[in-house]
Amino acid sequence: MELGGRYRFKMKPNQEFHLYHFTDWHLLNKACAEKHIDERVERVRRDPLCGVIGTGDLIEGIDYRDIRWDAEVFPDGIDVRHLDDFARFSMDYLGAKLDPIKSKILGLGLGNHEHVLLSRTRSWHVWYDLLRSLGRTPYRIADETCRAQDLSAKKRYEKLTADVRSARQWAPGCANLGADLGLLDLVFDVKGKGEYVYRVCTHHGYGGARSAGTVINQIVHFLNFADAHITLLGHQHQPGEYTVNTLGADEKLSRLRSHRRLGVVGSTYLATYQNGVSSYAGRKGHRPTLLGNPIISIKPEKGEFSVSWN
């Protein structure tokens, strides 16, 4: 689990903040709708008041050493020699996509595709290098630990844990949301109104995504234990949202208060079915889906947030 820090935004009354959820792009798969991704990145770049959180599987991460490898889905125009260091190439490719909006990226988490690739190739340093390239302050292991092959395994482990401990003391900027649960706070300083804090929980998600019920069940599962206003999930390749409202009262028991919690599953930019392309999603029988990722609009002082998909 990772605590990603607090991010403060100065706002005027009645302004709306946009939280862009990036998940399940599957870059470097032939069925990935990259044109639509580029359009979304450009929209973020032009948005004056927004932030981005990614919850994983932004890359495909499957090379010829992986049992899931399928040469049919490898994109045209990509030099196959990049497969020799596919982890590095994939992270650099993702970094180039995100570079125009790096100042607006609040945190990135790992999905099962990144996790398997980095673990299998022992290339965790390229993940931290990506975070460094986006201007954050992640765990300092890329240059100091992973490449210090002259150190013994024990020394490398001791150095790694020391770097992790020091990194967690750095102020908000540690954008690594990890491979499981991540938490971060959005702090809105609204002029003349005060400060409003919205907590966001992130997780890549789980499940086979073959039925409509799996989407809602996953959201409800996390809302049952994640203490956050907004929970962002992925993996299902289907759009879904669910809201839980709990009723309470203020400290003096003089006014009723409603506490709203929102869970969102972020769909995908991977076309499940495309003529001439056989994908693992199609072979697993995933349903056709809406291509895109959600935008959560927040009006802090009113306690309102809503989801849109365009």
Protein backbone atom coordinates (compact mmCIF):
# COMPACT_ATOMS: atom_id res chain seq x y z
CA MET A 1 0.00 0.00 0.00
CA GLU A 2 1.20 3.52 -0.75
CA LEU A 3 0.28 6.90 0.74
CA GLY A 4 0.74 9.23 -2.18
CA GLY A 5 0.68 12.60 -0.43
CA ARG A 6 -1.53 15.69 -0.45
CA TYR A 7 -2.04 17.95 -3.45
CA ARG A 8 -3.33 21.49 -2.92
CA PHE A 9 -5.30 23.53 -5.42
CA LYS A 10 -6.35 27.17 -5.05
CA MET A 11 -9.83 27.78 -6.43
CA LYS A 12 -12.53 30.41 -6.70
CA PRO A 13 -16.09 29.75 -5.49
CA ASN A 14 -18.17 27.62 -7.85
CA GLN A 15 -15.14 26.50 -9.84
CA GLU A 16 -15.07 22.88 -10.98
CA PHE A 17 -12.05 20.61 -10.69
CA HIS A 18 -11.59 17.76 -13.15
CA LEU A 19 -9.95 14.52 -12.04
CA TYR A 20 -8.93 12.44 -15.07
CA HIS A 21 -8.72 8.71 -14.47
CA PHE A 22 -6.25 6.91 -16.77
CA THR A 23 -6.42 3.12 -16.85
CA ASP A 24 -6.10 0.11 -19.16
CA TRP A 25 -4.68 1.83 -22.23
CA HIS A 26 -2.61 -1.21 -23.25
CA LEU A 27 -0.14 0.80 -25.30
CA LEU A 28 1.88 -1.28 -27.77
CA ASN A 29 -1.02 -3.58 -28.55
CA LYS A 30 -2.29 -3.29 -32.12
CA ALA A 31 -5.87 -2.98 -30.85
CA CYS A 32 -5.03 0.04 -28.67
CA ALA A 33 -6.90 3.18 -29.81
CA GLU A 34 -3.89 5.49 -29.55
CA LYS A 35 -5.55 8.29 -31.50
CA HIS A 36 -8.20 8.58 -28.80
CA ILE A 37 -5.52 8.52 -26.08
CA ASP A 38 -3.70 11.40 -27.79
CA GLU A 39 -6.97 13.35 -27.90
CA ARG A 40 -7.53 12.78 -24.18
CA VAL A 41 -3.97 13.85 -23.32
CA GLU A 42 -4.46 17.03 -25.34
CA ARG A 43 -7.70 17.72 -23.48
CA VAL A 44 -5.88 17.40 -20.18
CA ARG A 45 -3.13 19.71 -21.42
CA ARG A 46 -5.69 22.41 -22.22
CA ASP A 47 -7.66 21.99 -18.97
CA PRO A 48 -6.58 24.78 -16.57
CA LEU A 49 -7.81 23.12 -13.37
CA CYS A 50 -7.32 19.38 -13.29
CA GLY A 51 -5.25 16.42 -12.15
CA VAL A 52 -4.51 12.92 -13.46
CA ILE A 53 -4.38 9.61 -11.62
CA GLY A 54 -3.41 6.37 -13.36
CA THR A 55 -4.37 2.94 -12.06
CA GLY A 56 -2.32 0.65 -14.25
CA ASP A 57 -2.16 -1.42 -17.42
CA LEU A 58 -1.29 1.69 -19.39
CA ILE A 59 1.16 -0.52 -21.31
CA GLU A 60 0.60 -3.97 -22.78
CA GLY A 61 3.84 -5.32 -21.37
CA ILE A 62 3.79 -8.67 -23.18
CA ASP A 63 6.90 -9.73 -25.10
CA TYR A 64 7.90 -13.00 -26.78
CA ARG A 65 9.16 -14.43 -23.46
CA ASP A 66 5.65 -14.20 -21.99
CA ILE A 67 3.26 -17.16 -22.33
CA ARG A 68 0.56 -14.66 -23.41
CA TRP A 69 2.67 -13.43 -26.36
CA ASP A 70 0.81 -13.12 -29.67
CA ALA A 71 2.74 -11.76 -32.64
CA GLU A 72 -0.54 -10.77 -34.32
CA VAL A 73 -1.17 -7.97 -31.84
CA PHE A 74 2.30 -6.42 -31.97
CA PRO A 75 1.88 -2.95 -33.55
CA ASP A 76 2.95 -2.31 -37.10
CA GLY A 77 5.86 0.09 -37.46
CA ILE A 78 7.53 -0.85 -34.16
CA ASP A 79 11.04 -2.27 -34.54
CA VAL A 80 11.01 -5.82 -33.17
CA ARG A 81 14.50 -5.24 -31.76
CA HIS A 82 12.82 -3.28 -28.97
CA LEU A 83 11.56 -6.61 -27.66
CA ASP A 84 15.04 -7.32 -26.32
CA ASP A 85 14.49 -4.65 -23.64
CA PHE A 86 10.74 -4.37 -23.77
CA ALA A 87 10.32 -3.09 -20.22
CA ARG A 88 12.55 -0.08 -20.88
CA PHE A 89 11.00 0.57 -24.30
CA SER A 90 7.44 0.30 -22.92
CA MET A 91 8.07 2.73 -20.06
CA ASP A 92 9.82 5.19 -22.37
CA TYR A 93 6.89 4.93 -24.79
CA LEU A 94 4.43 5.65 -21.97
CA GLY A 95 6.60 8.48 -20.70
CA ALA A 96 6.54 10.14 -24.11
CA LYS A 97 2.72 9.99 -24.11
CA LEU A 98 2.50 11.55 -20.65
CA ASP A 99 5.28 14.12 -21.01
CA PRO A 100 3.02 16.97 -22.29
CA ILE A 101 0.92 16.73 -19.11
CA LYS A 102 3.52 15.66 -16.55
CA SER A 103 2.85 18.70 -14.35
CA LYS A 104 -0.75 17.50 -13.91
CA ILE A 105 -0.05 13.88 -13.01
CA LEU A 106 -0.75 13.31 -9.31
CA GLY A 107 0.00 9.62 -9.11
CA LEU A 108 0.51 6.45 -11.13
CA GLY A 109 -0.20 2.92 -10.00
CA LEU A 110 0.72 -0.45 -11.46
CA GLY A 111 -1.59 -2.94 -13.11
CA ASN A 112 -1.06 -6.66 -13.56
CA HIS A 113 0.52 -6.12 -17.00
CA GLU A 114 3.23 -3.77 -15.71
CA HIS A 115 3.75 -5.84 -12.58
CA VAL A 116 4.29 -9.10 -14.47
CA LEU A 117 6.64 -7.47 -17.00
CA LEU A 118 8.77 -5.70 -14.40
CA SER A 119 8.93 -8.73 -12.12
CA ARG A 120 9.68 -11.24 -14.86
CA THR A 121 12.44 -9.12 -16.41
CA ARG A 122 13.74 -7.80 -13.07
CA SER A 123 13.38 -4.29 -14.44
CA TRP A 124 11.80 -2.39 -11.58
CA HIS A 125 14.29 0.43 -12.08
CA VAL A 126 12.55 1.46 -15.31
CA TRP A 127 9.32 2.12 -13.36
CA TYR A 128 11.11 4.48 -11.02
CA ASP A 129 12.92 6.05 -13.95
CA LEU A 130 9.53 6.78 -15.48
CA LEU A 131 8.38 8.52 -12.31
CA ARG A 132 11.60 10.52 -12.24
CA SER A 133 11.09 11.59 -15.85
CA LEU A 134 7.64 12.89 -14.99
CA GLY A 135 9.14 15.26 -12.45
CA ARG A 136 8.13 13.44 -9.28
CA THR A 137 10.33 12.29 -6.42
CA PRO A 138 9.97 8.50 -6.29
CA TYR A 139 12.07 6.00 -4.40
CA ARG A 140 15.66 6.61 -5.40
CA ILE A 141 16.59 3.14 -6.51
CA ALA A 142 17.03 3.50 -10.27
CA ASP A 143 20.55 4.86 -10.18
CA GLU A 144 21.66 3.96 -6.68
CA THR A 145 20.42 0.45 -6.05
CA CYS A 146 19.19 -1.54 -9.03
CA ARG A 147 22.30 -0.72 -11.01
CA ALA A 148 24.72 -1.26 -8.13
CA GLN A 149 25.43 -4.80 -9.21
CA ASP A 150 28.80 -4.77 -7.45
CA LEU A 151 27.02 -4.78 -4.09
CA SER A 152 26.00 -8.01 -2.44
CA ALA A 153 22.32 -8.94 -2.36
CA LYS A 154 22.20 -8.10 1.36
CA LYS A 155 23.77 -4.69 0.82
CA ARG A 156 21.42 -3.92 -2.07
CA TYR A 157 18.43 -4.85 0.08
CA GLU A 158 19.63 -2.67 2.96
CA LYS A 159 20.20 0.24 0.60
CA LEU A 160 16.80 -0.22 -1.03
CA THR A 161 14.91 -0.22 2.28
CA ALA A 162 16.84 2.85 3.45
CA ASP A 163 15.94 4.70 0.25
CA VAL A 164 12.28 3.72 0.59
CA ARG A 165 12.13 4.98 4.17
CA SER A 166 13.67 8.32 3.22
CA ALA A 167 11.43 8.67 0.15
CA ARG A 168 8.30 8.34 2.26
CA GLN A 169 9.40 11.36 4.25
CA TRP A 170 9.57 13.53 1.15
CA ALA A 171 6.73 15.88 0.61
CA PRO A 172 3.94 15.21 -1.61
CA GLY A 173 5.51 14.32 -4.80
CA CYS A 174 5.94 10.61 -4.33
CA ALA A 175 3.56 9.73 -7.16
CA ASN A 176 4.12 5.99 -6.88
CA LEU A 177 0.73 4.47 -5.99
CA GLY A 178 2.09 0.95 -6.12
CA ALA A 179 0.61 -2.34 -7.23
CA ASP A 180 -2.20 -2.55 -4.67
CA LEU A 181 -3.99 0.14 -2.66
CA GLY A 182 -2.97 3.78 -2.93
CA LEU A 183 -4.33 6.81 -1.09
CA LEU A 184 -3.88 10.51 -1.76
CA ASP A 185 -5.66 13.71 -0.78
CA LEU A 186 -6.96 16.50 -2.95
CA VAL A 187 -7.00 19.68 -0.87
CA PHE A 188 -9.09 22.50 -2.33
CA ASP A 189 -8.48 25.97 -0.90
CA VAL A 190 -11.59 27.85 -2.03
CA LYS A 191 -11.26 31.61 -1.71
CA GLY A 192 -13.54 32.96 0.99
CA LYS A 193 -14.99 29.52 1.72
CA GLY A 194 -12.25 27.53 3.40
CA GLU A 195 -10.46 24.25 2.84
CA TYR A 196 -12.07 21.07 1.55
CA VAL A 197 -10.33 17.70 1.51
CA TYR A 198 -11.29 14.85 -0.79
CA ARG A 199 -9.55 11.52 -0.26
CA VAL A 200 -8.95 9.28 -3.28
CA CYS A 201 -8.32 5.54 -3.11
CA THR A 202 -6.75 3.73 -6.07
CA HIS A 203 -6.39 0.09 -7.04
CA HIS A 204 -5.97 -1.58 -10.40
CA GLY A 205 -8.80 -4.02 -9.73
CA TYR A 206 -9.32 -7.73 -10.31
CA GLY A 207 -11.71 -10.23 -11.85
CA GLY A 208 -12.62 -11.71 -15.21
CA ALA A 209 -14.93 -8.92 -16.44
CA ARG A 210 -17.26 -11.29 -18.26
CA SER A 211 -20.53 -10.20 -16.66
CA ALA A 212 -22.13 -6.89 -15.77
CA GLY A 213 -22.30 -7.88 -12.12
CA THR A 214 -18.53 -8.14 -11.74
CA VAL A 215 -18.14 -4.39 -12.29
CA ILE A 216 -20.59 -3.36 -9.58
CA ASN A 217 -19.44 -6.10 -7.21
CA GLN A 218 -15.84 -4.91 -7.48
CA ILE A 219 -16.83 -1.31 -6.71
CA VAL A 220 -18.95 -2.34 -3.73
CA HIS A 221 -16.12 -4.54 -2.44
CA PHE A 222 -13.73 -1.60 -2.26
CA LEU A 223 -16.32 0.87 -0.97
CA ASN A 224 -16.93 -1.51 1.93
CA PHE A 225 -13.43 -1.02 3.33
CA ALA A 226 -11.73 1.90 1.57
CA ASP A 227 -12.22 5.09 3.61
CA ALA A 228 -12.24 7.55 0.72
CA HIS A 229 -14.58 9.92 -1.06
CA ILE A 230 -13.61 8.60 -4.49
CA THR A 231 -12.30 5.14 -5.37
CA LEU A 232 -10.71 4.63 -8.80
CA LEU A 233 -10.47 1.11 -10.25
CA GLY A 234 -9.67 -0.57 -13.54
CA HIS A 235 -8.94 -4.03 -14.99
CA GLN A 236 -12.52 -4.85 -15.98
CA HIS A 237 -12.37 -3.11 -19.39
CA GLN A 238 -15.94 -1.99 -18.75
CA PRO A 239 -17.30 1.38 -17.59
CA GLY A 240 -19.04 1.42 -14.25
CA GLU A 241 -19.88 3.69 -11.35
CA TYR A 242 -21.69 3.25 -8.07
CA THR A 243 -22.45 5.67 -5.25
CA VAL A 244 -23.03 4.98 -1.57
CA ASN A 245 -24.67 7.67 0.57
CA THR A 246 -24.53 7.38 4.35
CA LEU A 247 -26.64 9.50 6.67
CA GLY A 248 -25.37 11.18 9.82
CA ALA A 249 -25.39 14.46 11.68
CA ASP A 250 -23.02 17.23 12.72
CA GLU A 251 -21.13 17.19 16.02
CA LYS A 252 -23.90 19.09 17.84
CA LEU A 253 -26.56 16.77 16.44
CA SER A 254 -28.40 19.79 15.10
CA ARG A 255 -28.18 19.21 11.34
CA LEU A 256 -28.33 16.14 9.18
CA ARG A 257 -25.26 15.36 7.10
CA SER A 258 -24.94 13.07 4.09
CA HIS A 259 -21.58 11.51 3.28
CA ARG A 260 -21.23 10.42 -0.32
CA ARG A 261 -18.69 7.92 -1.60
CA LEU A 262 -18.17 7.23 -5.28
CA GLY A 263 -16.56 4.21 -6.94
CA VAL A 264 -15.59 4.17 -10.61
CA VAL A 265 -14.27 1.45 -12.91
CA GLY A 266 -12.48 3.16 -15.75
CA SER A 267 -13.10 1.11 -18.94
CA THR A 268 -10.27 0.88 -21.51
CA TYR A 269 -8.73 2.08 -24.75
CA LEU A 270 -8.18 -1.49 -25.96
CA ALA A 271 -10.69 -2.45 -28.64
CA THR A 272 -11.93 -5.89 -27.60
CA TYR A 273 -12.95 -6.84 -31.13
CA GLN A 274 -11.24 -5.47 -34.22
CA ASN A 275 -11.27 -6.92 -37.71
CA GLY A 276 -8.07 -8.78 -38.44
CA VAL A 277 -6.80 -8.69 -34.85
CA SER A 278 -7.08 -11.57 -32.39
CA SER A 279 -6.69 -10.27 -28.84
CA TYR A 280 -6.59 -12.09 -25.52
CA ALA A 281 -9.63 -10.01 -24.45
CA GLY A 282 -11.59 -11.43 -27.35
CA ARG A 283 -10.39 -14.97 -26.69
CA LYS A 284 -11.50 -14.65 -23.07
CA GLY A 285 -14.93 -13.56 -24.21
CA HIS A 286 -14.86 -10.04 -22.81
CA ARG A 287 -17.83 -7.96 -23.84
CA PRO A 288 -17.49 -5.14 -26.38
CA THR A 289 -16.94 -1.95 -24.44
CA LEU A 290 -17.02 1.83 -24.49
CA LEU A 291 -13.55 3.08 -25.39
CA GLY A 292 -12.46 5.82 -23.03
CA ASN A 293 -11.67 6.75 -19.44
CA PRO A 294 -13.81 8.71 -16.98
CA ILE A 295 -13.56 12.30 -15.79
CA ILE A 296 -14.71 13.06 -12.24
CA SER A 297 -15.94 16.64 -11.87
CA ILE A 298 -15.71 18.03 -8.33
CA LYS A 299 -17.34 21.15 -6.86
CA PRO A 300 -15.57 21.18 -3.48
CA GLU A 301 -17.60 23.63 -1.41
CA LYS A 302 -20.89 22.08 -2.55
CA GLY A 303 -19.80 18.53 -1.87
CA GLU A 304 -20.76 17.52 -5.39
CA PHE A 305 -18.95 15.21 -7.78
CA SER A 306 -20.12 13.53 -10.96
CA VAL A 307 -18.73 11.22 -13.67
CA SER A 308 -18.62 11.76 -17.42
CA TRP A 309 -17.15 9.61 -20.16
CA ASN A 310 -16.57 12.04 -23.03
